[in-house]
């Protein structure tokens, strides 16, 4: 259940980011088992997190700066989602 307009905005933003991320071969593979669209902010827990080592491995394989920067943005999203999960649980 959405608590505020801000929650709804956050959910919409997350869904837009996930749609964009799925255009990356790296995230298309990582998100294949994740929901296509989050229905509430608690669904964040269903998304895989990206580690620093994941980024290193991808960058070393591709040397593609566009992919690397997209992955970096997704790591920041992962951190934000993890922070939300922790604060929502308290």
N, C-alpha and C. Protein backbone atom coordinates (compact mmCIF):
# COMPACT_ATOMS: atom_id res chain seq x y z
N UNK A 1 0.84 -1.17 0.00
CA UNK A 1 0.00 0.00 0.00
C UNK A 1 0.89 1.25 0.00
N UNK A 2 0.59 2.19 -0.86
CA UNK A 2 1.34 3.44 -0.94
C UNK A 2 0.96 4.33 0.23
N UNK A 3 1.95 4.94 0.84
CA UNK A 3 1.68 5.81 1.97
C UNK A 3 1.54 7.26 1.54
N UNK A 4 2.36 7.69 0.58
CA UNK A 4 2.36 9.09 0.18
C UNK A 4 2.52 9.21 -1.32
N UNK A 5 2.29 10.43 -1.79
CA UNK A 5 2.56 10.73 -3.20
C UNK A 5 4.02 10.50 -3.51
N UNK A 6 4.87 10.79 -2.54
CA UNK A 6 6.31 10.59 -2.72
C UNK A 6 6.63 9.11 -2.96
N UNK A 7 5.95 8.22 -2.24
CA UNK A 7 6.15 6.78 -2.46
C UNK A 7 5.77 6.39 -3.88
N UNK A 8 4.66 6.93 -4.37
CA UNK A 8 4.21 6.64 -5.72
C UNK A 8 5.22 7.17 -6.75
N UNK A 9 5.74 8.36 -6.52
CA UNK A 9 6.75 8.93 -7.41
C UNK A 9 8.01 8.06 -7.41
N UNK A 10 8.43 7.63 -6.22
CA UNK A 10 9.60 6.76 -6.12
C UNK A 10 9.38 5.46 -6.87
N UNK A 11 8.22 4.88 -6.73
CA UNK A 11 7.90 3.64 -7.42
C UNK A 11 7.93 3.84 -8.94
N UNK A 12 7.33 4.90 -9.41
CA UNK A 12 7.34 5.19 -10.84
C UNK A 12 8.77 5.39 -11.35
N UNK A 13 9.58 6.11 -10.59
CA UNK A 13 10.98 6.32 -10.98
C UNK A 13 11.75 5.01 -11.02
N UNK A 14 11.55 4.17 -10.03
CA UNK A 14 12.22 2.87 -10.02
C UNK A 14 11.82 2.03 -11.22
N UNK A 15 10.55 2.03 -11.56
CA UNK A 15 10.09 1.26 -12.72
C UNK A 15 10.69 1.79 -14.02
N UNK A 16 10.83 3.10 -14.13
CA UNK A 16 11.48 3.67 -15.33
C UNK A 16 12.95 3.26 -15.39
N UNK A 17 13.63 3.28 -14.26
CA UNK A 17 15.05 2.88 -14.22
C UNK A 17 15.19 1.41 -14.58
N UNK A 18 14.31 0.57 -14.06
CA UNK A 18 14.38 -0.86 -14.39
C UNK A 18 14.13 -1.10 -15.88
N UNK A 19 13.19 -0.38 -16.46
CA UNK A 19 12.93 -0.52 -17.89
C UNK A 19 14.17 -0.14 -18.69
N UNK A 20 14.80 0.95 -18.30
CA UNK A 20 16.02 1.38 -19.00
C UNK A 20 17.16 0.39 -18.77
N UNK A 21 17.29 -0.10 -17.57
CA UNK A 21 18.38 -1.03 -17.25
C UNK A 21 18.27 -2.31 -18.06
N UNK A 22 17.07 -2.75 -18.33
CA UNK A 22 16.88 -3.99 -19.09
C UNK A 22 17.38 -3.88 -20.53
N UNK A 23 17.68 -2.68 -20.99
CA UNK A 23 18.25 -2.48 -22.32
C UNK A 23 19.74 -2.84 -22.35
N UNK A 24 20.34 -2.91 -21.19
CA UNK A 24 21.74 -3.31 -21.07
C UNK A 24 21.81 -4.84 -21.05
N UNK A 25 22.68 -5.44 -21.86
CA UNK A 25 22.79 -6.91 -21.83
C UNK A 25 23.10 -7.45 -20.42
N UNK A 26 23.93 -6.73 -19.69
CA UNK A 26 24.28 -7.15 -18.33
C UNK A 26 23.03 -7.23 -17.45
N UNK A 27 22.24 -6.15 -17.44
CA UNK A 27 21.06 -6.14 -16.56
C UNK A 27 19.90 -6.94 -17.14
N UNK A 28 19.83 -7.07 -18.43
CA UNK A 28 18.79 -7.94 -19.01
C UNK A 28 18.95 -9.35 -18.44
N UNK A 29 20.19 -9.79 -18.36
CA UNK A 29 20.46 -11.12 -17.80
C UNK A 29 20.20 -11.15 -16.29
N UNK A 30 20.68 -10.15 -15.58
CA UNK A 30 20.52 -10.13 -14.12
C UNK A 30 19.07 -9.98 -13.69
N UNK A 31 18.28 -9.29 -14.47
CA UNK A 31 16.89 -9.01 -14.08
C UNK A 31 15.88 -9.96 -14.71
N UNK A 32 16.37 -11.00 -15.39
CA UNK A 32 15.44 -11.89 -16.11
C UNK A 32 14.42 -12.56 -15.19
N UNK A 33 14.76 -12.81 -13.94
CA UNK A 33 13.82 -13.45 -13.01
C UNK A 33 13.10 -12.45 -12.11
N UNK A 34 13.41 -11.17 -12.27
CA UNK A 34 12.77 -10.13 -11.46
C UNK A 34 11.45 -9.72 -12.09
N UNK A 35 10.54 -9.17 -11.29
CA UNK A 35 9.27 -8.70 -11.86
C UNK A 35 9.53 -7.63 -12.93
N UNK A 36 8.73 -7.62 -13.98
CA UNK A 36 8.89 -6.60 -15.04
C UNK A 36 8.59 -5.21 -14.49
N UNK A 37 7.67 -5.15 -13.54
CA UNK A 37 7.27 -3.87 -12.96
C UNK A 37 7.03 -4.08 -11.47
N UNK A 38 7.53 -3.16 -10.67
CA UNK A 38 7.30 -3.23 -9.23
C UNK A 38 5.90 -2.70 -8.94
N UNK A 39 5.16 -3.40 -8.11
CA UNK A 39 3.81 -2.94 -7.78
C UNK A 39 3.79 -2.14 -6.48
N UNK A 40 4.82 -2.31 -5.67
CA UNK A 40 4.95 -1.50 -4.46
C UNK A 40 6.43 -1.46 -4.08
N UNK A 41 6.78 -0.57 -3.18
CA UNK A 41 8.20 -0.39 -2.83
C UNK A 41 8.79 -1.61 -2.14
N UNK A 42 7.97 -2.42 -1.52
CA UNK A 42 8.47 -3.64 -0.88
C UNK A 42 9.02 -4.63 -1.90
N UNK A 43 8.55 -4.54 -3.16
CA UNK A 43 9.04 -5.41 -4.22
C UNK A 43 10.53 -5.21 -4.51
N UNK A 44 11.10 -4.14 -3.99
CA UNK A 44 12.53 -3.91 -4.15
C UNK A 44 13.32 -5.14 -3.68
N UNK A 45 12.80 -5.80 -2.69
CA UNK A 45 13.48 -6.97 -2.14
C UNK A 45 13.61 -8.10 -3.15
N UNK A 46 12.84 -8.06 -4.23
CA UNK A 46 12.88 -9.10 -5.26
C UNK A 46 13.97 -8.85 -6.31
N UNK A 47 14.61 -7.68 -6.24
CA UNK A 47 15.62 -7.33 -7.24
C UNK A 47 17.01 -7.77 -6.79
N UNK A 48 17.82 -8.23 -7.76
CA UNK A 48 19.20 -8.60 -7.41
C UNK A 48 20.04 -7.34 -7.19
N UNK A 49 20.97 -7.42 -6.28
CA UNK A 49 21.86 -6.31 -6.04
C UNK A 49 23.13 -6.48 -6.86
N UNK A 50 23.74 -5.38 -7.20
CA UNK A 50 24.98 -5.40 -7.97
C UNK A 50 26.12 -5.03 -7.03
N UNK A 51 27.17 -5.82 -7.09
CA UNK A 51 28.32 -5.57 -6.23
C UNK A 51 29.42 -4.85 -7.00
N UNK A 52 30.37 -4.35 -6.27
CA UNK A 52 31.53 -3.72 -6.88
C UNK A 52 32.26 -4.71 -7.80
N UNK A 53 32.33 -5.96 -7.36
CA UNK A 53 33.01 -6.97 -8.17
C UNK A 53 32.25 -7.25 -9.47
N UNK A 54 30.92 -7.21 -9.43
CA UNK A 54 30.13 -7.36 -10.66
C UNK A 54 30.52 -6.29 -11.67
N UNK A 55 30.65 -5.06 -11.18
CA UNK A 55 31.04 -3.95 -12.06
C UNK A 55 32.44 -4.15 -12.62
N UNK A 56 33.35 -4.56 -11.76
CA UNK A 56 34.72 -4.79 -12.23
C UNK A 56 34.75 -5.87 -13.31
N UNK A 57 34.04 -6.95 -13.06
CA UNK A 57 34.02 -8.05 -14.03
C UNK A 57 33.44 -7.59 -15.37
N UNK A 58 32.36 -6.85 -15.33
CA UNK A 58 31.73 -6.38 -16.56
C UNK A 58 32.65 -5.41 -17.28
N UNK A 59 33.25 -4.48 -16.58
CA UNK A 59 34.12 -3.49 -17.21
C UNK A 59 35.33 -4.18 -17.83
N UNK A 60 35.89 -5.14 -17.14
CA UNK A 60 37.05 -5.85 -17.67
C UNK A 60 36.70 -6.64 -18.93
N UNK A 61 35.47 -7.14 -19.00
CA UNK A 61 35.04 -7.91 -20.18
C UNK A 61 34.70 -7.02 -21.36
N UNK A 62 34.08 -5.88 -21.10
CA UNK A 62 33.52 -5.09 -22.19
C UNK A 62 34.34 -3.86 -22.56
N UNK A 63 34.97 -3.26 -21.59
CA UNK A 63 35.65 -1.97 -21.80
C UNK A 63 34.72 -0.98 -22.48
N UNK A 64 33.45 -1.09 -22.18
CA UNK A 64 32.44 -0.24 -22.78
C UNK A 64 32.00 0.78 -21.74
N UNK A 65 32.38 2.04 -21.95
CA UNK A 65 32.10 3.06 -20.95
C UNK A 65 30.61 3.28 -20.75
N UNK A 66 29.81 3.19 -21.82
CA UNK A 66 28.38 3.39 -21.67
C UNK A 66 27.78 2.32 -20.75
N UNK A 67 28.17 1.07 -20.96
CA UNK A 67 27.69 0.00 -20.09
C UNK A 67 28.18 0.20 -18.67
N UNK A 68 29.43 0.59 -18.53
CA UNK A 68 30.00 0.79 -17.20
C UNK A 68 29.24 1.88 -16.45
N UNK A 69 28.92 2.98 -17.10
CA UNK A 69 28.22 4.06 -16.41
C UNK A 69 26.79 3.66 -16.07
N UNK A 70 26.13 2.90 -16.92
CA UNK A 70 24.80 2.41 -16.60
C UNK A 70 24.86 1.49 -15.38
N UNK A 71 25.87 0.63 -15.36
CA UNK A 71 26.02 -0.26 -14.21
C UNK A 71 26.30 0.52 -12.95
N UNK A 72 27.10 1.57 -13.06
CA UNK A 72 27.39 2.41 -11.89
C UNK A 72 26.11 3.03 -11.35
N UNK A 73 25.26 3.50 -12.25
CA UNK A 73 23.98 4.08 -11.83
C UNK A 73 23.12 3.03 -11.13
N UNK A 74 23.16 1.81 -11.64
CA UNK A 74 22.36 0.74 -11.03
C UNK A 74 22.91 0.37 -9.65
N UNK A 75 24.22 0.47 -9.46
CA UNK A 75 24.77 0.21 -8.12
C UNK A 75 24.25 1.26 -7.15
N UNK A 76 24.22 2.51 -7.58
CA UNK A 76 23.67 3.56 -6.71
C UNK A 76 22.21 3.27 -6.39
N UNK A 77 21.46 2.81 -7.37
CA UNK A 77 20.07 2.43 -7.14
C UNK A 77 20.00 1.28 -6.14
N UNK A 78 20.88 0.31 -6.27
CA UNK A 78 20.90 -0.82 -5.34
C UNK A 78 21.14 -0.35 -3.92
N UNK A 79 22.06 0.59 -3.76
CA UNK A 79 22.36 1.13 -2.43
C UNK A 79 21.12 1.82 -1.87
N UNK A 80 20.47 2.63 -2.71
CA UNK A 80 19.27 3.34 -2.27
C UNK A 80 18.17 2.36 -1.89
N UNK A 81 18.00 1.30 -2.69
CA UNK A 81 16.96 0.31 -2.40
C UNK A 81 17.27 -0.43 -1.11
N UNK A 82 18.55 -0.76 -0.90
CA UNK A 82 18.93 -1.44 0.32
C UNK A 82 18.67 -0.55 1.53
N UNK A 83 18.98 0.72 1.42
CA UNK A 83 18.72 1.66 2.51
C UNK A 83 17.24 1.75 2.80
N UNK A 84 16.42 1.79 1.73
CA UNK A 84 14.97 1.84 1.93
C UNK A 84 14.49 0.59 2.63
N UNK A 85 14.97 -0.58 2.20
CA UNK A 85 14.54 -1.84 2.81
C UNK A 85 14.87 -1.85 4.29
N UNK A 86 16.04 -1.38 4.63
CA UNK A 86 16.44 -1.37 6.03
C UNK A 86 15.60 -0.40 6.84
N UNK A 87 15.32 0.80 6.29
CA UNK A 87 14.54 1.77 7.04
C UNK A 87 13.06 1.37 7.10
N UNK A 88 12.56 0.70 6.07
CA UNK A 88 11.16 0.28 6.06
C UNK A 88 10.91 -0.81 7.08
N UNK A 89 11.94 -1.57 7.39
CA UNK A 89 11.79 -2.65 8.35
C UNK A 89 11.78 -2.19 9.79
N UNK A 90 12.17 -0.94 10.02
CA UNK A 90 12.23 -0.46 11.42
C UNK A 90 11.00 0.25 11.84
